[in-house]
Amino acid sequence: MNLSRNEQRALHVLALGGRILHERDERSKIASAICVTREGMILTDFDLAIFDRLRRKRLIESRSGSPYRISRRGRVSVRAQFDNQGA
Protein backbone atom coordinates (compact mmCIF):
# COMPACT_ATOMS: atom_id res chain seq x y z
CA MET A 1 0.00 0.00 0.00
CA ASN A 2 1.37 3.41 -0.93
CA LEU A 3 1.58 5.72 2.05
CA SER A 4 3.10 9.17 2.24
CA ARG A 5 5.93 9.95 4.62
CA ASN A 6 3.59 11.79 7.00
CA GLU A 7 1.10 8.91 6.98
CA GLN A 8 3.93 6.46 7.76
CA ARG A 9 5.16 8.71 10.58
CA ALA A 10 1.69 8.90 12.12
CA LEU A 11 1.19 5.12 11.85
CA HIS A 12 4.57 4.54 13.48
CA VAL A 13 3.62 6.79 16.42
CA LEU A 14 0.32 4.93 16.76
CA ALA A 15 2.05 1.55 16.59
CA LEU A 16 4.23 2.60 19.53
CA GLY A 17 1.17 3.34 21.67
CA GLY A 18 0.08 6.77 20.50
CA ARG A 19 -3.48 7.91 19.87
CA ILE A 20 -5.42 10.45 17.83
CA LEU A 21 -7.62 12.82 19.80
CA HIS A 22 -10.50 14.30 17.83
CA GLU A 23 -13.13 16.98 18.38
CA ARG A 24 -16.52 17.14 16.73
CA ASP A 25 -18.46 20.22 15.64
CA GLU A 26 -22.16 20.89 16.22
CA ARG A 27 -23.09 18.73 13.20
CA SER A 28 -21.17 15.74 14.67
CA LYS A 29 -18.47 15.93 12.01
CA ILE A 30 -14.85 15.72 13.04
CA ALA A 31 -13.51 19.28 13.13
CA SER A 32 -9.97 18.72 14.39
CA ALA A 33 -7.61 15.86 15.12
CA ILE A 34 -4.20 15.74 16.78
CA CYS A 35 -1.81 12.82 17.02
CA VAL A 36 -0.31 12.32 20.48
CA THR A 37 2.58 9.98 21.30
CA ARG A 38 2.48 7.73 24.33
CA GLU A 39 4.76 10.23 26.11
CA GLY A 40 2.26 13.05 25.50
CA MET A 41 4.12 14.85 22.69
CA ILE A 42 2.12 16.18 19.73
CA LEU A 43 3.05 15.19 16.17
CA THR A 44 3.25 18.51 14.31
CA ASP A 45 3.03 17.13 10.76
CA PHE A 46 -0.38 15.62 11.44
CA ASP A 47 -3.49 17.39 10.14
CA LEU A 48 -7.09 16.66 9.26
CA ALA A 49 -6.23 15.64 5.67
CA ILE A 50 -3.84 12.92 6.87
CA PHE A 51 -6.44 11.79 9.41
CA ASP A 52 -9.06 11.46 6.66
CA ARG A 53 -6.70 9.48 4.42
CA LEU A 54 -5.78 7.06 7.23
CA ARG A 55 -9.42 6.59 8.15
CA ARG A 56 -10.51 6.11 4.53
CA LYS A 57 -7.84 3.41 4.08
CA ARG A 58 -9.04 1.82 7.37
CA LEU A 59 -5.60 2.03 8.94
CA ILE A 60 -7.00 3.64 12.11
CA GLU A 61 -10.18 2.95 14.04
CA SER A 62 -12.17 4.20 17.00
CA ARG A 63 -14.35 2.04 19.18
CA SER A 64 -17.26 3.48 21.17
CA GLY A 65 -16.15 7.09 20.77
CA SER A 66 -12.68 6.47 22.21
CA PRO A 67 -9.54 8.05 20.68
CA TYR A 68 -8.49 6.66 17.31
CA ARG A 69 -5.81 3.97 17.44
CA ILE A 70 -4.02 1.90 14.83
CA SER A 71 -6.06 -0.97 13.37
CA ARG A 72 -4.83 -4.45 12.57
CA ARG A 73 -4.60 -3.48 8.92
CA GLY A 74 -2.55 -0.44 9.93
CA ARG A 75 -0.12 -2.58 11.92
CA VAL A 76 0.48 -4.76 8.88
CA SER A 77 0.94 -1.73 6.59
CA VAL A 78 3.42 0.24 8.69
CA ARG A 79 7.06 -0.12 7.71
CA ALA A 80 9.71 -0.66 10.34
CA GLN A 81 11.56 2.47 11.43
CA PHE A 82 14.59 2.85 13.60
CA ASP A 83 13.51 3.97 17.06
CA ASN A 84 16.19 6.20 18.52
CA GLN A 85 14.51 6.35 21.94
CA GLY A 86 15.56 2.86 22.96
CA ALA A 87 18.05 1.70 25.60
PDB file of N, CA and C in Angstrom:
ATOM      1  N   MET A   1       0.845  -1.171   0.000  1.00  0.00           N
ATOM      2  CA  MET A   1       0.000   0.000   0.000  1.00  0.00           C
ATOM      3  C   MET A   1       0.892   1.235   0.000  1.00  0.00           C
ATOM      4  N   ASN A   2       0.585   2.185  -0.852  1.00  0.00           N
ATOM      5  CA  ASN A   2       1.366   3.407  -0.934  1.00  0.00           C
ATOM      6  C   ASN A   2       0.921   4.384   0.137  1.00  0.00           C
ATOM      7  N   LEU A   3       1.855   4.760   0.986  1.00  0.00           N
ATOM      8  CA  LEU A   3       1.578   5.718   2.053  1.00  0.00           C
ATOM      9  C   LEU A   3       2.610   6.827   1.986  1.00  0.00           C
ATOM     10  N   SER A   4       2.173   8.041   2.231  1.00  0.00           N
ATOM     11  CA  SER A   4       3.100   9.166   2.241  1.00  0.00           C
ATOM     12  C   SER A   4       3.987   9.102   3.481  1.00  0.00           C
ATOM     13  N   ARG A   5       5.006   9.920   3.483  1.00  0.00           N
ATOM     14  CA  ARG A   5       5.928   9.954   4.619  1.00  0.00           C
ATOM     15  C   ARG A   5       5.207  10.355   5.903  1.00  0.00           C
ATOM     16  N   ASN A   6       4.324  11.347   5.816  1.00  0.00           N
ATOM     17  CA  ASN A   6       3.594  11.795   7.000  1.00  0.00           C
ATOM     18  C   ASN A   6       2.612  10.735   7.496  1.00  0.00           C
ATOM     19  N   GLU A   7       1.994  10.001   6.579  1.00  0.00           N
ATOM     20  CA  GLU A   7       1.102   8.909   6.984  1.00  0.00           C
ATOM     21  C   GLU A   7       1.899   7.803   7.675  1.00  0.00           C
ATOM     22  N   GLN A   8       3.074   7.473   7.130  1.00  0.00           N
ATOM     23  CA  GLN A   8       3.929   6.463   7.758  1.00  0.00           C
ATOM     24  C   GLN A   8       4.363   6.907   9.152  1.00  0.00           C
ATOM     25  N   ARG A   9       4.722   8.184   9.286  1.00  0.00           N
ATOM     26  CA  ARG A   9       5.163   8.709  10.582  1.00  0.00           C
ATOM     27  C   ARG A   9       4.042   8.612  11.613  1.00  0.00           C
ATOM     28  N   ALA A  10       2.824   8.969  11.206  1.00  0.00           N
ATOM     29  CA  ALA A  10       1.686   8.901  12.124  1.00  0.00           C
ATOM     30  C   ALA A  10       1.395   7.448  12.509  1.00  0.00           C
ATOM     31  N   LEU A  11       1.431   6.534  11.546  1.00  0.00           N
ATOM     32  CA  LEU A  11       1.188   5.125  11.854  1.00  0.00           C
ATOM     33  C   LEU A  11       2.254   4.579  12.792  1.00  0.00           C
ATOM     34  N   HIS A  12       3.491   5.009  12.606  1.00  0.00           N
ATOM     35  CA  HIS A  12       4.569   4.544  13.481  1.00  0.00           C
ATOM     36  C   HIS A  12       4.340   5.009  14.919  1.00  0.00           C
ATOM     37  N   VAL A  13       3.923   6.261  15.087  1.00  0.00           N
ATOM     38  CA  VAL A  13       3.617   6.787  16.421  1.00  0.00           C
ATOM     39  C   VAL A  13       2.478   5.995  17.045  1.00  0.00           C
ATOM     40  N   LEU A  14       1.453   5.694  16.251  1.00  0.00           N
ATOM     41  CA  LEU A  14       0.317   4.931  16.761  1.00  0.00           C
ATOM     42  C   LEU A  14       0.711   3.499  17.101  1.00  0.00           C
ATOM     43  N   ALA A  15       1.610   2.912  16.314  1.00  0.00           N
ATOM     44  CA  ALA A  15       2.048   1.549  16.592  1.00  0.00           C
ATOM     45  C   ALA A  15       2.836   1.467  17.894  1.00  0.00           C
ATOM     46  N   LEU A  16       3.466   2.557  18.277  1.00  0.00           N
ATOM     47  CA  LEU A  16       4.226   2.599  19.527  1.00  0.00           C
ATOM     48  C   LEU A  16       3.363   2.983  20.727  1.00  0.00           C
ATOM     49  N   GLY A  17       2.055   3.068  20.544  1.00  0.00           N
ATOM     50  CA  GLY A  17       1.167   3.337  21.669  1.00  0.00           C
ATOM     51  C   GLY A  17       0.541   4.708  21.673  1.00  0.00           C
ATOM     52  N   GLY A  18       0.681   5.444  20.587  1.00  0.00           N
ATOM     53  CA  GLY A  18       0.075   6.773  20.502  1.00  0.00           C
ATOM     54  C   GLY A  18      -1.418   6.694  20.224  1.00  0.00           C
ATOM     55  N   ARG A  19      -2.047   7.857  20.148  1.00  0.00           N
ATOM     56  CA  ARG A  19      -3.484   7.906  19.867  1.00  0.00           C
ATOM     57  C   ARG A  19      -3.805   9.208  19.151  1.00  0.00           C
ATOM     58  N   ILE A  20      -4.961   9.250  18.521  1.00  0.00           N
ATOM     59  CA  ILE A  20      -5.425  10.450  17.830  1.00  0.00           C
ATOM     60  C   ILE A  20      -6.637  10.975  18.573  1.00  0.00           C
ATOM     61  N   LEU A  21      -6.510  12.171  19.100  1.00  0.00           N
ATOM     62  CA  LEU A  21      -7.622  12.820  19.800  1.00  0.00           C
ATOM     63  C   LEU A  21      -8.377  13.667  18.788  1.00  0.00           C
ATOM     64  N   HIS A  22      -9.690  13.569  18.794  1.00  0.00           N
ATOM     65  CA  HIS A  22     -10.496  14.300  17.830  1.00  0.00           C
ATOM     66  C   HIS A  22     -11.592  15.085  18.540  1.00  0.00           C
ATOM     67  N   GLU A  23     -12.018  16.159  17.887  1.00  0.00           N
ATOM     68  CA  GLU A  23     -13.132  16.976  18.380  1.00  0.00           C
ATOM     69  C   GLU A  23     -14.170  17.072  17.287  1.00  0.00           C
ATOM     70  N   ARG A  24     -15.422  17.045  17.692  1.00  0.00           N
ATOM     71  CA  ARG A  24     -16.519  17.138  16.725  1.00  0.00           C
ATOM     72  C   ARG A  24     -17.177  18.511  16.800  1.00  0.00           C
ATOM     73  N   ASP A  25     -17.739  18.943  15.665  1.00  0.00           N
ATOM     74  CA  ASP A  25     -18.459  20.216  15.643  1.00  0.00           C
ATOM     75  C   ASP A  25     -19.927  19.974  15.975  1.00  0.00           C
ATOM     76  N   GLU A  26     -20.750  21.004  15.836  1.00  0.00           N
ATOM     77  CA  GLU A  26     -22.159  20.893  16.217  1.00  0.00           C
ATOM     78  C   GLU A  26     -22.946  19.953  15.306  1.00  0.00           C
ATOM     79  N   ARG A  27     -22.424  19.651  14.107  1.00  0.00           N
ATOM     80  CA  ARG A  27     -23.094  18.727  13.199  1.00  0.00           C
ATOM     81  C   ARG A  27     -22.544  17.311  13.323  1.00  0.00           C
ATOM     82  N   SER A  28     -21.770  17.044  14.376  1.00  0.00           N
ATOM     83  CA  SER A  28     -21.169  15.740  14.669  1.00  0.00           C
ATOM     84  C   SER A  28     -20.144  15.293  13.641  1.00  0.00           C
ATOM     85  N   LYS A  29     -19.572  16.243  12.913  1.00  0.00           N
ATOM     86  CA  LYS A  29     -18.473  15.932  12.006  1.00  0.00           C
ATOM     87  C   LYS A  29     -17.165  16.242  12.716  1.00  0.00           C
ATOM     88  N   ILE A  30     -16.134  15.507  12.389  1.00  0.00           N
ATOM     89  CA  ILE A  30     -14.845  15.723  13.035  1.00  0.00           C
ATOM     90  C   ILE A  30     -14.254  17.038  12.534  1.00  0.00           C
ATOM     91  N   ALA A  31     -14.002  17.948  13.462  1.00  0.00           N
ATOM     92  CA  ALA A  31     -13.513  19.276  13.130  1.00  0.00           C
ATOM     93  C   ALA A  31     -12.009  19.390  13.267  1.00  0.00           C
ATOM     94  N   SER A  32     -11.419  18.671  14.213  1.00  0.00           N
ATOM     95  CA  SER A  32      -9.974  18.720  14.387  1.00  0.00           C
ATOM     96  C   SER A  32      -9.477  17.390  14.936  1.00  0.00           C
ATOM     97  N   ALA A  33      -8.224  17.096  14.638  1.00  0.00           N
ATOM     98  CA  ALA A  33      -7.605  15.863  15.116  1.00  0.00           C
ATOM     99  C   ALA A  33      -6.130  16.124  15.361  1.00  0.00           C
ATOM    100  N   ILE A  34      -5.625  15.634  16.492  1.00  0.00           N
ATOM    101  CA  ILE A  34      -4.202  15.739  16.784  1.00  0.00           C
ATOM    102  C   ILE A  34      -3.679  14.356  17.158  1.00  0.00           C
ATOM    103  N   CYS A  35      -2.456  14.097  16.737  1.00  0.00           N
ATOM    104  CA  CYS A  35      -1.813  12.818  17.021  1.00  0.00           C
ATOM    105  C   CYS A  35      -0.881  13.007  18.207  1.00  0.00           C
ATOM    106  N   VAL A  36      -1.068  12.201  19.243  1.00  0.00           N
ATOM    107  CA  VAL A  36      -0.310  12.320  20.482  1.00  0.00           C
ATOM    108  C   VAL A  36       0.477  11.032  20.704  1.00  0.00           C
ATOM    109  N   THR A  37       1.766  11.159  21.016  1.00  0.00           N
ATOM    110  CA  THR A  37       2.585   9.984  21.299  1.00  0.00           C
ATOM    111  C   THR A  37       2.246   9.457  22.683  1.00  0.00           C
ATOM    112  N   ARG A  38       2.766   8.296  23.008  1.00  0.00           N
ATOM    113  CA  ARG A  38       2.478   7.734  24.332  1.00  0.00           C
ATOM    114  C   ARG A  38       3.114   8.551  25.447  1.00  0.00           C
ATOM    115  N   GLU A  39       4.130   9.361  25.115  1.00  0.00           N
ATOM    116  CA  GLU A  39       4.756  10.233  26.113  1.00  0.00           C
ATOM    117  C   GLU A  39       4.018  11.561  26.274  1.00  0.00           C
ATOM    118  N   GLY A  40       3.035  11.828  25.409  1.00  0.00           N
ATOM    119  CA  GLY A  40       2.261  13.053  25.499  1.00  0.00           C
ATOM    120  C   GLY A  40       2.697  14.142  24.544  1.00  0.00           C
ATOM    121  N   MET A  41       3.669  13.867  23.677  1.00  0.00           N
ATOM    122  CA  MET A  41       4.122  14.848  22.686  1.00  0.00           C
ATOM    123  C   MET A  41       3.144  14.877  21.519  1.00  0.00           C
ATOM    124  N   ILE A  42       3.030  16.026  20.865  1.00  0.00           N
ATOM    125  CA  ILE A  42       2.117  16.181  19.733  1.00  0.00           C
ATOM    126  C   ILE A  42       2.908  16.105  18.434  1.00  0.00           C
ATOM    127  N   LEU A  43       2.423  15.322  17.482  1.00  0.00           N
ATOM    128  CA  LEU A  43       3.046  15.189  16.169  1.00  0.00           C
ATOM    129  C   LEU A  43       2.626  16.392  15.332  1.00  0.00           C
ATOM    130  N   THR A  44       3.581  17.248  14.972  1.00  0.00           N
ATOM    131  CA  THR A  44       3.252  18.515  14.314  1.00  0.00           C
ATOM    132  C   THR A  44       2.854  18.352  12.852  1.00  0.00           C
ATOM    133  N   ASP A  45       3.330  17.315  12.178  1.00  0.00           N
ATOM    134  CA  ASP A  45       3.034  17.134  10.761  1.00  0.00           C
ATOM    135  C   ASP A  45       1.644  16.569  10.520  1.00  0.00           C
ATOM    136  N   PHE A  46       0.913  16.277  11.556  1.00  0.00           N
ATOM    137  CA  PHE A  46      -0.383  15.618  11.442  1.00  0.00           C
ATOM    138  C   PHE A  46      -1.484  16.664  11.298  1.00  0.00           C
ATOM    139  N   ASP A  47      -2.359  16.486  10.314  1.00  0.00           N
ATOM    140  CA  ASP A  47      -3.491  17.393  10.137  1.00  0.00           C
ATOM    141  C   ASP A  47      -4.742  16.598   9.757  1.00  0.00           C
ATOM    142  N   LEU A  48      -5.811  17.305   9.531  1.00  0.00           N
ATOM    143  CA  LEU A  48      -7.094  16.662   9.261  1.00  0.00           C
ATOM    144  C   LEU A  48      -7.088  15.887   7.941  1.00  0.00           C
ATOM    145  N   ALA A  49      -6.308  16.344   6.956  1.00  0.00           N
ATOM    146  CA  ALA A  49      -6.225  15.643   5.672  1.00  0.00           C
ATOM    147  C   ALA A  49      -5.572  14.273   5.843  1.00  0.00           C
ATOM    148  N   ILE A  50      -4.511  14.207   6.620  1.00  0.00           N
ATOM    149  CA  ILE A  50      -3.844  12.921   6.871  1.00  0.00           C
ATOM    150  C   ILE A  50      -4.775  12.007   7.656  1.00  0.00           C
ATOM    151  N   PHE A  51      -5.474  12.570   8.628  1.00  0.00           N
ATOM    152  CA  PHE A  51      -6.443  11.792   9.408  1.00  0.00           C
ATOM    153  C   PHE A  51      -7.493  11.173   8.493  1.00  0.00           C
ATOM    154  N   ASP A  52      -8.038  11.966   7.576  1.00  0.00           N
ATOM    155  CA  ASP A  52      -9.059  11.458   6.663  1.00  0.00           C
ATOM    156  C   ASP A  52      -8.519  10.351   5.764  1.00  0.00           C
ATOM    157  N   ARG A  53      -7.285  10.513   5.271  1.00  0.00           N
ATOM    158  CA  ARG A  53      -6.699   9.479   4.416  1.00  0.00           C
ATOM    159  C   ARG A  53      -6.489   8.177   5.184  1.00  0.00           C
ATOM    160  N   LEU A  54      -5.995   8.267   6.424  1.00  0.00           N
ATOM    161  CA  LEU A  54      -5.782   7.063   7.226  1.00  0.00           C
ATOM    162  C   LEU A  54      -7.103   6.370   7.545  1.00  0.00           C
ATOM    163  N   ARG A  55      -8.117   7.165   7.823  1.00  0.00           N
ATOM    164  CA  ARG A  55      -9.422   6.588   8.146  1.00  0.00           C
ATOM    165  C   ARG A  55     -10.070   5.970   6.909  1.00  0.00           C
ATOM    166  N   ARG A  56      -9.937   6.630   5.766  1.00  0.00           N
ATOM    167  CA  ARG A  56     -10.509   6.113   4.529  1.00  0.00           C
ATOM    168  C   ARG A  56      -9.859   4.787   4.120  1.00  0.00           C
ATOM    169  N   LYS A  57      -8.550   4.651   4.386  1.00  0.00           N
ATOM    170  CA  LYS A  57      -7.835   3.408   4.080  1.00  0.00           C
ATOM    171  C   LYS A  57      -8.012   2.357   5.173  1.00  0.00           C
ATOM    172  N   ARG A  58      -8.764   2.703   6.228  1.00  0.00           N
ATOM    173  CA  ARG A  58      -9.043   1.820   7.369  1.00  0.00           C
ATOM    174  C   ARG A  58      -7.783   1.379   8.107  1.00  0.00           C
ATOM    175  N   LEU A  59      -6.830   2.312   8.212  1.00  0.00           N
ATOM    176  CA  LEU A  59      -5.600   2.032   8.939  1.00  0.00           C
ATOM    177  C   LEU A  59      -5.713   2.434  10.404  1.00  0.00           C
ATOM    178  N   ILE A  60      -6.729   3.248  10.727  1.00  0.00           N
ATOM    179  CA  ILE A  60      -7.005   3.636  12.109  1.00  0.00           C
ATOM    180  C   ILE A  60      -8.475   3.375  12.388  1.00  0.00           C
ATOM    181  N   GLU A  61      -8.794   3.209  13.670  1.00  0.00           N
ATOM    182  CA  GLU A  61     -10.182   2.945  14.042  1.00  0.00           C
ATOM    183  C   GLU A  61     -10.449   3.478  15.438  1.00  0.00           C
ATOM    184  N   SER A  62     -11.712   3.759  15.689  1.00  0.00           N
ATOM    185  CA  SER A  62     -12.166   4.197  17.002  1.00  0.00           C
ATOM    186  C   SER A  62     -13.298   3.280  17.425  1.00  0.00           C
ATOM    187  N   ARG A  63     -13.281   2.911  18.670  1.00  0.00           N
ATOM    188  CA  ARG A  63     -14.349   2.037  19.181  1.00  0.00           C
ATOM    189  C   ARG A  63     -15.082   2.752  20.299  1.00  0.00           C
ATOM    190  N   SER A  64     -16.381   2.877  20.161  1.00  0.00           N
ATOM    191  CA  SER A  64     -17.261   3.477  21.172  1.00  0.00           C
ATOM    192  C   SER A  64     -16.873   4.906  21.521  1.00  0.00           C
ATOM    193  N   GLY A  65     -16.457   5.686  20.538  1.00  0.00           N
ATOM    194  CA  GLY A  65     -16.145   7.088  20.772  1.00  0.00           C
ATOM    195  C   GLY A  65     -14.799   7.334  21.438  1.00  0.00           C
ATOM    196  N   SER A  66     -13.993   6.307  21.587  1.00  0.00           N
ATOM    197  CA  SER A  66     -12.676   6.471  22.213  1.00  0.00           C
ATOM    198  C   SER A  66     -11.706   7.090  21.195  1.00  0.00           C
ATOM    199  N   PRO A  67     -10.510   7.508  21.626  1.00  0.00           N
ATOM    200  CA  PRO A  67      -9.538   8.052  20.678  1.00  0.00           C
ATOM    201  C   PRO A  67      -9.195   7.029  19.591  1.00  0.00           C
ATOM    202  N   TYR A  68      -8.861   7.545  18.415  1.00  0.00           N
ATOM    203  CA  TYR A  68      -8.493   6.663  17.311  1.00  0.00           C
ATOM    204  C   TYR A  68      -7.147   6.015  17.606  1.00  0.00           C
ATOM    205  N   ARG A  69      -7.051   4.738  17.273  1.00  0.00           N
ATOM    206  CA  ARG A  69      -5.813   3.965  17.439  1.00  0.00           C
ATOM    207  C   ARG A  69      -5.543   3.212  16.140  1.00  0.00           C
ATOM    208  N   ILE A  70      -4.380   2.646  16.034  1.00  0.00           N
ATOM    209  CA  ILE A  70      -4.024   1.903  14.831  1.00  0.00           C
ATOM    210  C   ILE A  70      -4.846   0.615  14.757  1.00  0.00           C
ATOM    211  N   SER A  71      -5.286   0.265  13.565  1.00  0.00           N
ATOM    212  CA  SER A  71      -6.058  -0.969  13.372  1.00  0.00           C
ATOM    213  C   SER A  71      -5.107  -2.113  13.027  1.00  0.00           C
ATOM    214  N   ARG A  72      -5.655  -3.286  12.943  1.00  0.00           N
ATOM    215  CA  ARG A  72      -4.832  -4.447  12.569  1.00  0.00           C
ATOM    216  C   ARG A  72      -4.258  -4.248  11.178  1.00  0.00           C
ATOM    217  N   ARG A  73      -5.067  -3.746  10.278  1.00  0.00           N
ATOM    218  CA  ARG A  73      -4.598  -3.476   8.916  1.00  0.00           C
ATOM    219  C   ARG A  73      -3.488  -2.429   8.921  1.00  0.00           C
ATOM    220  N   GLY A  74      -3.588  -1.460   9.802  1.00  0.00           N
ATOM    221  CA  GLY A  74      -2.548  -0.443   9.928  1.00  0.00           C
ATOM    222  C   GLY A  74      -1.246  -1.020  10.438  1.00  0.00           C
ATOM    223  N   ARG A  75      -1.329  -1.942  11.391  1.00  0.00           N
ATOM    224  CA  ARG A  75      -0.116  -2.583  11.917  1.00  0.00           C
ATOM    225  C   ARG A  75       0.613  -3.355  10.841  1.00  0.00           C
ATOM    226  N   VAL A  76      -0.129  -3.991   9.956  1.00  0.00           N
ATOM    227  CA  VAL A  76       0.476  -4.760   8.875  1.00  0.00           C
ATOM    228  C   VAL A  76       1.104  -3.817   7.837  1.00  0.00           C
ATOM    229  N   SER A  77       0.499  -2.659   7.625  1.00  0.00           N
ATOM    230  CA  SER A  77       0.938  -1.727   6.591  1.00  0.00           C
ATOM    231  C   SER A  77       2.130  -0.866   6.987  1.00  0.00           C
ATOM    232  N   VAL A  78       2.349  -0.664   8.271  1.00  0.00           N
ATOM    233  CA  VAL A  78       3.419   0.238   8.695  1.00  0.00           C
ATOM    234  C   VAL A  78       4.776  -0.421   8.458  1.00  0.00           C
ATOM    235  N   ARG A  79       5.704   0.376   7.929  1.00  0.00           N
ATOM    236  CA  ARG A  79       7.060  -0.119   7.710  1.00  0.00           C
ATOM    237  C   ARG A  79       7.879   0.078   8.964  1.00  0.00           C
ATOM    238  N   ALA A  80       8.852  -0.781   9.173  1.00  0.00           N
ATOM    239  CA  ALA A  80       9.707  -0.662  10.343  1.00  0.00           C
ATOM    240  C   ALA A  80      10.562   0.603  10.238  1.00  0.00           C
ATOM    241  N   GLN A  81      10.708   1.293  11.351  1.00  0.00           N
ATOM    242  CA  GLN A  81      11.557   2.474  11.426  1.00  0.00           C
ATOM    243  C   GLN A  81      12.475   2.312  12.623  1.00  0.00           C
ATOM    244  N   PHE A  82      13.651   2.876  12.493  1.00  0.00           N
ATOM    245  CA  PHE A  82      14.590   2.848  13.596  1.00  0.00           C
ATOM    246  C   PHE A  82      14.058   3.735  14.708  1.00  0.00           C
ATOM    247  N   ASP A  83      14.001   3.209  15.915  1.00  0.00           N
ATOM    248  CA  ASP A  83      13.505   3.967  17.056  1.00  0.00           C
ATOM    249  C   ASP A  83      14.697   4.414  17.883  1.00  0.00           C
ATOM    250  N   ASN A  84      15.010   5.705  17.830  1.00  0.00           N
ATOM    251  CA  ASN A  84      16.192   6.195  18.522  1.00  0.00           C
ATOM    252  C   ASN A  84      15.928   6.534  19.978  1.00  0.00           C
ATOM    253  N   GLN A  85      14.805   6.093  20.535  1.00  0.00           N
ATOM    254  CA  GLN A  85      14.513   6.345  21.936  1.00  0.00           C
ATOM    255  C   GLN A  85      14.914   5.167  22.816  1.00  0.00           C
ATOM    256  N   GLY A  86      15.295   4.080  22.208  1.00  0.00           N
ATOM    257  CA  GLY A  86      15.557   2.856  22.957  1.00  0.00           C
ATOM    258  C   GLY A  86      16.829   2.906  23.807  1.00  0.00           C
ATOM    259  N   ALA A  87      16.958   1.964  24.681  1.00  0.00           N
ATOM    260  CA  ALA A  87      18.050   1.705  25.596  1.00  0.00           C
ATOM    261  C   ALA A  87      18.968   2.857  25.729  1.00  0.00           C
TER     262      ALA A  87
END
